[in-house]
Amino acid sequence: MDSYQLLAYTNLIMRTIRSLLLGLDIYLLGAAFILTSMGLVTMYSFEGSNFFFERQIVWILSAFILMFLAMLPDYRFLRVGNSTFFIYLFFVLLLVLVLFVGEITLGAQSRFDLGFFSLQPSDPAKLVLIAVLAKYFSKRHEQIGDFKHIIISGLYTLVFFGLVFIQPDFGSAIILFFVWFGMILVAGIKLRHLLVVFTLGAVVFLLMWSFAFQDYQKQRIMTFLDPLADIQGTGYNAYQSTIAVGSGQLIGKGIGYGTQSKLQFLPEYETDFIFAAYAEEWGLVGVVVLFGLFGVVIGRLLWHAVQAATNFERLFATGVAILFVSHFFVHIGMNIGVLPVTGTTVPFLSYGGTHLMTEFIGIAIVMAMSRYATPRYQTTQLAIVEE
């Protein structure tokens, strides 16, 4: 390698590093990292196996690597041409394929067993749906008052929703619905159209109750309406979860000393009931800190949306925020008994590889889009980096 080639490679590396630093949001990334760390220590136990704690370290490192890789591309290609639609079709194929060759876990055929890693395509599919809806609405923002655009965007969502629902993964399916609903609100739906959407939603729910919901899903909803009706059966998980949350009191029982979670009274405490396990060990003070950090994440995503270069980037960043908020409040509502148990994760906090990588890729794409945002925004970002 001669000196000219060495200089060229050095310049390329320096430009890449500068590009990454320009897009890097240390507040967003810092809050996400602290949330991830808090979830990690909640999985730790001073007695017995620490399988989930050790595996989660691997997923966190992998997610960080993928995040920095995901910050490299220029995502303006998503708002032009047919790339976004082809990615959408690819994930439709994955969601169909998983129904035939996927691994069955806890009664749901929702993931591919790759040996060292189980890939759950419904997680990255949520980002794909956000990109599809962002492109669709950004191209038609002046005609969004036309009800047909709500129908067409709903059909895009319905394909993913249906394929995920029949796995069955009702938790992810309902998150997909909330993402679509949140984005049509942001896009500027009219009030009368909103009433039509609610009416259609009620009709669809009644039809699903009659023809689509399985018996255990109906029972979960009935348990939600009367949580104490069967605390030894279908209401057991919700009952134990509320006990865990309440037993944390003001300052919690201490890291690694949650009796409900570590003594197996609370099933799936590292995923579906991570908030209850966290509240038990960290108490009300820890819950306030959790809400504060999550508020930073959402606030920074919305700030990126305000400063975005075009409507596409604005809608994408807002969509990621809606995705995180939907997961956060559905999970917490489930853990404190105000929503049916559906099996959802808390962004950055819960155990798992696919969802954690998806979340870090989501914020990476938002940060990467900030590189071609408004000039004032870029100046602010560069000043933050130089501090």
Protein backbone atom coordinates (compact mmCIF):
# COMPACT_ATOMS: atom_id res chain seq x y z
CA MET A 1 0.00 0.00 0.00
CA ASP A 2 1.52 3.29 -1.10
CA SER A 3 1.23 6.58 0.73
CA TYR A 4 -1.59 7.81 -1.54
CA GLN A 5 -3.77 4.77 -0.75
CA LEU A 6 -2.98 5.06 2.96
CA LEU A 7 -4.01 8.72 2.93
CA ALA A 8 -7.23 7.87 1.07
CA TYR A 9 -8.15 5.14 3.60
CA THR A 10 -7.30 7.46 6.49
CA ASN A 11 -9.52 10.21 5.09
CA LEU A 12 -12.35 7.71 4.59
CA ILE A 13 -12.08 6.52 8.18
CA MET A 14 -11.96 10.08 9.51
CA ARG A 15 -15.02 11.09 7.46
CA THR A 16 -16.89 8.05 8.74
CA ILE A 17 -16.02 8.83 12.36
CA ARG A 18 -16.97 12.49 11.95
CA SER A 19 -20.23 11.47 10.31
CA LEU A 20 -21.05 9.17 13.22
CA LEU A 21 -20.18 11.83 15.78
CA LEU A 22 -22.25 14.44 13.97
CA GLY A 23 -25.35 12.26 14.16
CA LEU A 24 -24.72 10.89 17.63
CA ASP A 25 -27.21 12.10 20.25
CA ILE A 26 -25.47 11.52 23.57
CA TYR A 27 -28.60 12.33 25.58
CA LEU A 28 -30.76 9.82 23.71
CA LEU A 29 -28.04 7.19 23.67
CA GLY A 30 -27.13 7.80 27.32
CA ALA A 31 -30.74 7.42 28.52
CA ALA A 32 -31.15 4.23 26.46
CA PHE A 33 -27.91 2.79 27.84
CA ILE A 34 -28.91 3.51 31.46
CA LEU A 35 -32.31 1.88 30.89
CA THR A 36 -30.57 -1.15 29.43
CA SER A 37 -28.22 -1.32 32.42
CA MET A 38 -31.11 -1.06 34.86
CA GLY A 39 -32.86 -3.95 33.15
CA LEU A 40 -29.66 -5.96 33.20
CA VAL A 41 -29.10 -5.64 36.94
CA THR A 42 -32.78 -6.43 37.58
CA MET A 43 -32.12 -9.83 35.97
CA TYR A 44 -29.20 -10.47 38.32
CA SER A 45 -29.66 -12.86 41.23
CA PHE A 46 -27.28 -13.42 44.14
CA GLU A 47 -28.44 -17.03 44.33
CA GLY A 48 -28.94 -19.62 41.60
CA SER A 49 -28.46 -19.27 37.86
CA ASN A 50 -27.75 -15.97 36.12
CA PHE A 51 -28.45 -17.28 32.63
CA PHE A 52 -30.56 -14.31 31.53
CA PHE A 53 -28.12 -11.79 33.01
CA GLU A 54 -25.17 -13.33 31.15
CA ARG A 55 -27.00 -13.72 27.85
CA GLN A 56 -28.33 -10.17 28.03
CA ILE A 57 -24.76 -8.84 28.17
CA VAL A 58 -24.17 -10.53 24.80
CA TRP A 59 -27.35 -9.02 23.35
CA ILE A 60 -26.43 -5.54 24.62
CA LEU A 61 -22.99 -5.67 23.04
CA SER A 62 -24.47 -6.99 19.79
CA ALA A 63 -27.11 -4.24 19.81
CA PHE A 64 -24.45 -1.55 20.27
CA ILE A 65 -22.42 -2.88 17.36
CA LEU A 66 -25.50 -3.01 15.13
CA MET A 67 -26.46 0.50 16.21
CA PHE A 68 -23.19 1.99 15.02
CA LEU A 69 -23.38 0.00 11.77
CA ALA A 70 -26.95 1.19 11.26
CA MET A 71 -25.79 4.81 11.57
CA LEU A 72 -23.54 4.53 8.51
CA PRO A 73 -26.06 4.52 5.59
CA ASP A 74 -27.76 7.57 4.13
CA TYR A 75 -31.44 6.79 4.64
CA ARG A 76 -32.75 9.24 2.10
CA PHE A 77 -33.14 6.25 -0.22
CA LEU A 78 -36.13 5.15 1.90
CA ARG A 79 -38.24 8.14 0.84
CA VAL A 80 -37.62 7.74 -2.90
CA GLY A 81 -38.08 4.82 -5.28
CA ASN A 82 -39.48 1.45 -4.29
CA SER A 83 -36.89 0.32 -1.73
CA THR A 84 -39.21 0.71 1.26
CA PHE A 85 -41.97 -1.29 -0.43
CA PHE A 86 -39.57 -4.11 -1.34
CA ILE A 87 -38.34 -4.25 2.27
CA TYR A 88 -42.00 -4.43 3.33
CA LEU A 89 -42.63 -7.35 0.95
CA PHE A 90 -39.53 -9.12 2.26
CA PHE A 91 -40.88 -8.96 5.82
CA VAL A 92 -44.28 -10.15 4.66
CA LEU A 93 -42.45 -13.18 3.28
CA LEU A 94 -40.57 -13.67 6.57
CA LEU A 95 -43.81 -13.49 8.59
CA VAL A 96 -45.42 -16.06 6.29
CA LEU A 97 -42.36 -18.29 6.40
CA VAL A 98 -42.16 -18.29 10.20
CA LEU A 99 -45.66 -19.79 10.31
CA PHE A 100 -44.32 -22.90 8.54
CA VAL A 101 -40.74 -23.35 9.75
CA GLY A 102 -40.62 -21.20 12.87
CA GLU A 103 -39.75 -22.39 16.36
CA ILE A 104 -42.70 -22.87 18.71
CA THR A 105 -42.11 -21.14 22.05
CA LEU A 106 -44.79 -20.87 24.75
CA GLY A 107 -47.43 -21.85 22.21
CA ALA A 108 -46.47 -19.19 19.62
CA GLN A 109 -44.72 -19.94 16.33
CA SER A 110 -43.09 -16.56 16.04
CA ARG A 111 -39.32 -16.96 15.64
CA PHE A 112 -36.62 -18.62 13.58
CA ASP A 113 -34.20 -20.82 15.49
CA LEU A 114 -30.75 -19.95 14.14
CA GLY A 115 -28.93 -22.02 16.74
CA PHE A 116 -27.03 -19.30 18.60
CA PHE A 117 -29.86 -16.82 18.15
CA SER A 118 -33.66 -16.81 17.73
CA LEU A 119 -34.88 -14.17 15.29
CA GLN A 120 -38.40 -12.85 15.86
CA PRO A 121 -39.30 -11.03 12.61
CA SER A 122 -42.31 -9.24 14.16
CA ASP A 123 -39.92 -6.93 16.03
CA PRO A 124 -38.03 -5.41 13.06
CA ALA A 125 -41.31 -5.53 11.12
CA LYS A 126 -42.52 -2.72 13.39
CA LEU A 127 -39.73 -0.46 12.11
CA VAL A 128 -40.52 -1.48 8.54
CA LEU A 129 -44.18 -0.56 9.07
CA ILE A 130 -43.12 2.83 10.46
CA ALA A 131 -40.99 3.45 7.35
CA VAL A 132 -43.83 2.41 5.01
CA LEU A 133 -46.39 4.61 6.76
CA ALA A 134 -43.93 7.53 6.98
CA LYS A 135 -43.32 7.36 3.24
CA TYR A 136 -47.01 6.95 2.42
CA PHE A 137 -48.18 9.87 4.57
CA SER A 138 -45.27 12.15 3.64
CA LYS A 139 -46.14 11.78 -0.05
CA ARG A 140 -49.80 12.58 0.62
CA HIS A 141 -49.72 15.07 3.49
CA GLU A 142 -51.81 17.57 1.55
CA GLN A 143 -54.52 14.99 0.79
CA ILE A 144 -54.51 13.25 4.18
CA GLY A 145 -58.08 14.46 4.75
CA ASP A 146 -59.22 11.91 2.15
CA PHE A 147 -60.48 8.86 4.05
CA LYS A 148 -59.09 6.46 1.42
CA HIS A 149 -55.56 7.14 2.68
CA ILE A 150 -56.57 5.88 6.12
CA ILE A 151 -57.97 2.73 4.49
CA ILE A 152 -54.88 2.11 2.35
CA SER A 153 -52.47 2.70 5.24
CA GLY A 154 -54.68 0.43 7.34
CA LEU A 155 -54.34 -2.33 4.74
CA TYR A 156 -50.55 -2.11 4.92
CA THR A 157 -50.87 -2.53 8.67
CA LEU A 158 -53.51 -5.24 8.46
CA VAL A 159 -51.20 -7.57 6.54
CA PHE A 160 -48.57 -7.44 9.30
CA PHE A 161 -51.25 -7.47 12.02
CA GLY A 162 -52.94 -10.58 10.64
CA LEU A 163 -49.73 -12.54 10.11
CA VAL A 164 -48.52 -11.73 13.63
CA PHE A 165 -51.91 -12.36 15.24
CA ILE A 166 -52.19 -15.92 13.89
CA GLN A 167 -48.75 -16.92 15.27
CA PRO A 168 -50.41 -16.16 17.79
CA ASP A 169 -48.70 -13.06 19.21
CA PHE A 170 -51.49 -10.73 20.26
CA GLY A 171 -49.07 -8.43 22.11
CA SER A 172 -47.04 -7.57 19.00
CA ALA A 173 -50.20 -7.38 16.89
CA ILE A 174 -51.76 -4.76 19.17
CA ILE A 175 -48.50 -2.76 19.13
CA LEU A 176 -48.65 -2.71 15.32
CA PHE A 177 -52.18 -1.34 15.56
CA PHE A 178 -51.10 1.38 18.01
CA VAL A 179 -48.23 2.38 15.69
CA TRP A 180 -50.65 2.79 12.78
CA PHE A 181 -53.23 4.62 14.90
CA GLY A 182 -50.63 6.96 16.37
CA MET A 183 -49.19 7.78 12.96
CA ILE A 184 -52.54 8.58 11.37
CA LEU A 185 -53.20 10.95 14.27
CA VAL A 186 -49.85 12.66 13.70
CA ALA A 187 -50.45 12.74 9.94
CA GLY A 188 -53.60 14.81 10.50
CA ILE A 189 -56.73 12.65 10.55
CA LYS A 190 -60.06 14.51 10.71
CA LEU A 191 -62.31 14.12 13.76
CA ARG A 192 -65.16 12.51 11.81
CA HIS A 193 -62.72 10.03 10.32
CA LEU A 194 -61.41 9.29 13.80
CA LEU A 195 -64.95 8.38 14.89
CA VAL A 196 -65.24 6.08 11.89
CA VAL A 197 -61.95 4.41 12.85
CA PHE A 198 -63.19 3.83 16.41
CA THR A 199 -66.44 2.36 15.06
CA LEU A 200 -64.59 0.07 12.68
CA GLY A 201 -62.25 -0.93 15.51
CA ALA A 202 -65.19 -1.90 17.69
CA VAL A 203 -66.71 -3.96 14.86
CA VAL A 204 -63.38 -5.68 14.15
CA PHE A 205 -62.94 -6.47 17.87
CA LEU A 206 -66.40 -8.06 18.04
CA LEU A 207 -65.68 -10.13 14.92
CA MET A 208 -62.31 -11.21 16.33
CA TRP A 209 -63.96 -12.13 19.63
CA SER A 210 -66.44 -14.32 17.78
CA PHE A 211 -64.18 -15.90 15.16
CA ALA A 212 -60.47 -15.20 15.83
CA PHE A 213 -59.66 -15.05 19.54
CA GLN A 214 -58.61 -18.32 21.09
CA ASP A 215 -60.11 -19.40 24.40
CA TYR A 216 -57.05 -18.40 26.44
CA GLN A 217 -57.07 -14.92 24.86
CA LYS A 218 -60.74 -14.46 25.73
CA GLN A 219 -60.01 -15.66 29.25
CA ARG A 220 -57.21 -13.09 29.64
CA ILE A 221 -59.60 -10.31 28.71
CA MET A 222 -62.25 -11.64 31.10
CA THR A 223 -59.58 -11.86 33.81
CA PHE A 224 -58.68 -8.23 33.11
CA LEU A 225 -62.33 -7.27 33.74
CA ASP A 226 -62.37 -9.28 36.98
CA PRO A 227 -58.73 -9.92 38.03
CA LEU A 228 -59.59 -11.75 41.26
CA ALA A 229 -62.04 -14.18 39.66
CA ASP A 230 -59.41 -16.91 39.19
CA ILE A 231 -56.14 -15.98 40.91
CA GLN A 232 -55.01 -19.62 40.95
CA GLY A 233 -55.62 -20.00 37.22
CA THR A 234 -55.82 -17.42 34.43
CA GLY A 235 -55.48 -14.50 36.85
CA TYR A 236 -52.36 -15.86 38.57
CA ASN A 237 -49.76 -13.93 36.58
CA ALA A 238 -51.58 -10.60 36.86
CA TYR A 239 -52.16 -11.15 40.59
CA GLN A 240 -48.51 -11.99 41.31
CA SER A 241 -47.41 -9.03 39.21
CA THR A 242 -49.47 -6.54 41.21
CA ILE A 243 -48.11 -8.07 44.44
CA ALA A 244 -44.55 -7.58 43.16
CA VAL A 245 -45.16 -3.95 42.19
CA GLY A 246 -46.78 -3.12 45.53
CA SER A 247 -44.19 -4.92 47.64
CA GLY A 248 -41.43 -2.64 46.34
CA GLN A 249 -42.89 0.23 48.40
CA LEU A 250 -40.72 3.38 48.48
CA ILE A 251 -37.13 2.23 47.92
CA GLY A 252 -37.56 -1.43 46.95
CA LYS A 253 -36.14 -4.67 48.32
CA GLY A 254 -32.72 -4.19 46.75
CA ILE A 255 -31.06 -5.37 43.56
CA GLY A 256 -31.13 -9.17 43.34
CA TYR A 257 -33.47 -9.56 46.33
CA GLY A 258 -36.88 -9.54 44.65
CA THR A 259 -38.70 -12.49 46.21
CA GLN A 260 -41.60 -12.55 43.73
CA SER A 261 -39.29 -12.72 40.74
CA LYS A 262 -36.26 -14.60 42.00
CA LEU A 263 -38.33 -17.26 43.81
CA GLN A 264 -40.35 -17.91 40.63
CA PHE A 265 -43.69 -16.64 41.90
CA LEU A 266 -43.64 -14.21 38.98
CA PRO A 267 -43.22 -16.10 35.68
CA GLU A 268 -41.25 -14.64 32.77
CA TYR A 269 -40.04 -11.85 35.06
CA GLU A 270 -37.14 -11.05 32.71
CA THR A 271 -39.46 -10.31 29.75
CA ASP A 272 -43.24 -10.02 30.14
CA PHE A 273 -43.08 -8.87 33.77
CA ILE A 274 -39.78 -7.00 33.90
CA PHE A 275 -41.49 -3.84 35.17
CA ALA A 276 -43.00 -5.71 38.13
CA ALA A 277 -39.61 -7.26 38.93
CA TYR A 278 -37.94 -3.86 38.60
CA ALA A 279 -40.53 -2.11 40.80
CA GLU A 280 -40.16 -4.80 43.47
CA GLU A 281 -36.40 -4.31 43.70
CA TRP A 282 -36.16 -0.54 43.04
CA GLY A 283 -39.39 0.72 44.62
CA LEU A 284 -41.28 3.92 43.83
CA VAL A 285 -38.05 5.92 43.64
CA GLY A 286 -36.71 3.61 40.96
CA VAL A 287 -40.00 3.75 39.05
CA VAL A 288 -39.85 7.56 38.99
CA VAL A 289 -36.28 7.36 37.65
CA LEU A 290 -37.44 4.83 35.03
CA PHE A 291 -40.23 7.14 33.84
CA GLY A 292 -37.81 10.06 33.77
CA LEU A 293 -35.25 8.24 31.62
CA PHE A 294 -37.94 6.99 29.30
CA GLY A 295 -39.21 10.55 29.03
CA VAL A 296 -35.72 11.63 27.92
CA VAL A 297 -35.74 8.98 25.17
CA ILE A 298 -39.15 10.04 23.89
CA GLY A 299 -38.36 13.73 24.24
CA ARG A 300 -35.16 13.41 22.21
CA LEU A 301 -36.91 11.39 19.48
CA LEU A 302 -39.59 14.09 19.20
CA TRP A 303 -36.88 16.77 19.13
CA HIS A 304 -35.28 14.96 16.21
CA ALA A 305 -38.70 14.87 14.56
CA VAL A 306 -39.13 18.65 14.91
CA GLN A 307 -35.70 19.30 13.39
CA ALA A 308 -36.07 16.72 10.59
CA ALA A 309 -35.21 17.56 6.99
CA THR A 310 -38.53 16.40 5.45
CA ASN A 311 -41.91 15.03 6.44
CA PHE A 312 -40.63 11.49 5.94
CA GLU A 313 -37.89 11.82 8.57
CA ARG A 314 -40.30 13.70 10.85
CA LEU A 315 -42.89 10.94 10.64
CA PHE A 316 -40.29 8.19 11.02
CA ALA A 317 -38.83 9.66 14.23
CA THR A 318 -42.34 10.22 15.58
CA GLY A 319 -43.26 6.65 14.65
CA VAL A 320 -40.32 5.28 16.61
CA ALA A 321 -41.45 7.36 19.60
CA ILE A 322 -44.99 5.99 19.23
CA LEU A 323 -43.60 2.45 19.07
CA PHE A 324 -41.66 2.89 22.32
CA VAL A 325 -44.56 4.59 24.10
CA SER A 326 -46.95 1.82 23.02
CA HIS A 327 -44.64 -0.91 24.33
CA PHE A 328 -43.96 0.99 27.55
CA PHE A 329 -47.53 1.72 28.59
CA VAL A 330 -49.06 -1.56 27.38
CA HIS A 331 -46.42 -3.46 29.36
CA ILE A 332 -46.85 -1.37 32.51
CA GLY A 333 -50.64 -1.49 32.23
CA MET A 334 -50.42 -5.27 32.00
CA ASN A 335 -48.09 -5.42 35.01
CA ILE A 336 -50.29 -3.34 37.29
CA GLY A 337 -53.55 -5.01 36.25
CA VAL A 338 -55.20 -2.25 34.22
CA LEU A 339 -54.70 -4.02 30.86
CA PRO A 340 -54.98 -7.69 29.85
CA VAL A 341 -51.80 -9.81 29.94
CA THR A 342 -50.57 -9.79 26.33
CA GLY A 343 -46.85 -10.50 26.54
CA THR A 344 -44.99 -7.32 25.58
CA THR A 345 -41.56 -5.99 26.43
CA VAL A 346 -40.30 -2.68 27.82
CA PRO A 347 -37.96 -0.94 25.35
CA PHE A 348 -34.30 -1.34 26.41
CA LEU A 349 -35.29 -2.90 29.76
CA SER A 350 -36.57 -6.41 28.96
CA TYR A 351 -34.50 -9.48 28.18
CA GLY A 352 -34.15 -10.50 24.55
CA GLY A 353 -31.97 -10.07 21.51
CA THR A 354 -34.28 -9.25 18.60
CA HIS A 355 -36.32 -6.56 20.33
CA LEU A 356 -33.22 -4.91 21.85
CA MET A 357 -31.40 -4.82 18.52
CA THR A 358 -34.51 -3.44 16.83
CA GLU A 359 -34.77 -0.65 19.39
CA PHE A 360 -31.13 0.39 19.04
CA ILE A 361 -31.38 0.20 15.24
CA GLY A 362 -34.48 2.39 15.45
CA ILE A 363 -32.70 5.16 17.35
CA ALA A 364 -29.64 4.69 15.12
CA ILE A 365 -31.70 5.39 12.00
CA VAL A 366 -33.20 8.50 13.63
CA MET A 367 -29.73 9.74 14.59
CA ALA A 368 -28.39 8.98 11.11
CA MET A 369 -31.22 10.99 9.56
CA SER A 370 -30.17 13.95 11.69
CA ARG A 371 -27.03 14.35 9.60
CA TYR A 372 -29.02 15.97 6.82
CA ALA A 373 -31.44 17.85 9.07
CA THR A 374 -31.72 21.64 9.36
CA PRO A 375 -28.40 23.55 9.56
CA ARG A 376 -29.20 24.91 13.04
CA TYR A 377 -29.77 21.36 14.25
CA GLN A 378 -26.45 20.16 12.85
CA THR A 379 -24.61 23.06 14.50
CA THR A 380 -26.19 22.13 17.85
CA GLN A 381 -25.25 18.48 17.44
CA LEU A 382 -21.63 19.33 16.55
CA ALA A 383 -21.39 21.58 19.61
CA ILE A 384 -22.65 18.73 21.83
CA VAL A 385 -20.05 16.36 20.38
CA GLU A 386 -17.24 18.86 20.82
CA GLU A 387 -18.14 19.36 24.49
